[in-house]
Amino acid sequence: MEILTFLIYLVMFVIAFVLSFASVKYFITMWKFKNRKKDGSEDDEFEKFD
């Protein structure tokens, strides 16, 4: 029974870790998108947002 509880906690930790990593990556991308140069020289990186 204790092994089952440990496995459930482990799976929940892995899910939380993956979600936090994905949200940090998304935050960095959006921060770069918000602070890009206004002349459009960096716009080829952000084609998926247009």
Protein backbone atom coordinates (compact mmCIF):
# COMPACT_ATOMS: atom_id res chain seq x y z
CA MET A 1 0.00 0.00 0.00
CA GLU A 2 2.85 2.40 0.78
CA ILE A 3 4.46 1.63 -2.56
CA LEU A 4 1.25 2.61 -4.36
CA THR A 5 1.12 5.92 -2.48
CA PHE A 6 4.76 6.58 -3.33
CA LEU A 7 4.10 5.90 -7.02
CA ILE A 8 1.11 8.25 -7.05
CA TYR A 9 3.23 11.01 -5.47
CA LEU A 10 6.01 10.36 -7.97
CA VAL A 11 3.65 10.59 -10.95
CA MET A 12 2.12 13.82 -9.62
CA PHE A 13 5.60 15.30 -9.11
CA VAL A 14 6.64 14.45 -12.67
CA ILE A 15 3.44 16.02 -14.07
CA ALA A 16 3.96 19.18 -12.02
CA PHE A 17 7.61 19.38 -13.09
CA VAL A 18 6.74 19.07 -16.79
CA LEU A 19 3.97 21.68 -16.53
CA SER A 20 6.21 24.16 -14.70
CA PHE A 21 8.98 23.68 -17.26
CA ALA A 22 6.54 24.29 -20.13
CA SER A 23 5.13 27.42 -18.50
CA VAL A 24 8.62 28.85 -17.87
CA LYS A 25 9.53 28.23 -21.51
CA TYR A 26 6.30 29.92 -22.63
CA PHE A 27 6.97 32.89 -20.29
CA ILE A 28 10.48 33.39 -21.71
CA THR A 29 9.15 33.24 -25.28
CA MET A 30 6.41 35.78 -24.54
CA TRP A 31 8.87 38.05 -22.72
CA LYS A 32 11.15 38.02 -25.78
CA PHE A 33 8.13 38.66 -28.02
CA LYS A 34 7.03 41.63 -25.92
CA ASN A 35 10.52 43.17 -25.84
CA ARG A 36 11.44 42.64 -29.49
CA LYS A 37 12.77 45.43 -31.65
CA LYS A 38 10.15 47.61 -33.31
CA ASP A 39 11.83 47.65 -36.76
CA GLY A 40 10.79 44.05 -37.45
CA SER A 41 14.30 42.63 -37.71
CA GLU A 42 13.51 39.82 -35.23
CA ASP A 43 10.06 38.97 -36.56
CA ASP A 44 11.13 35.74 -38.30
CA GLU A 45 11.35 34.08 -34.85
CA PHE A 46 7.73 34.90 -34.06
CA GLU A 47 5.88 33.94 -37.25
CA LYS A 48 3.54 31.66 -35.31
CA PHE A 49 2.11 34.60 -33.34
CA ASP A 50 1.14 36.66 -36.39
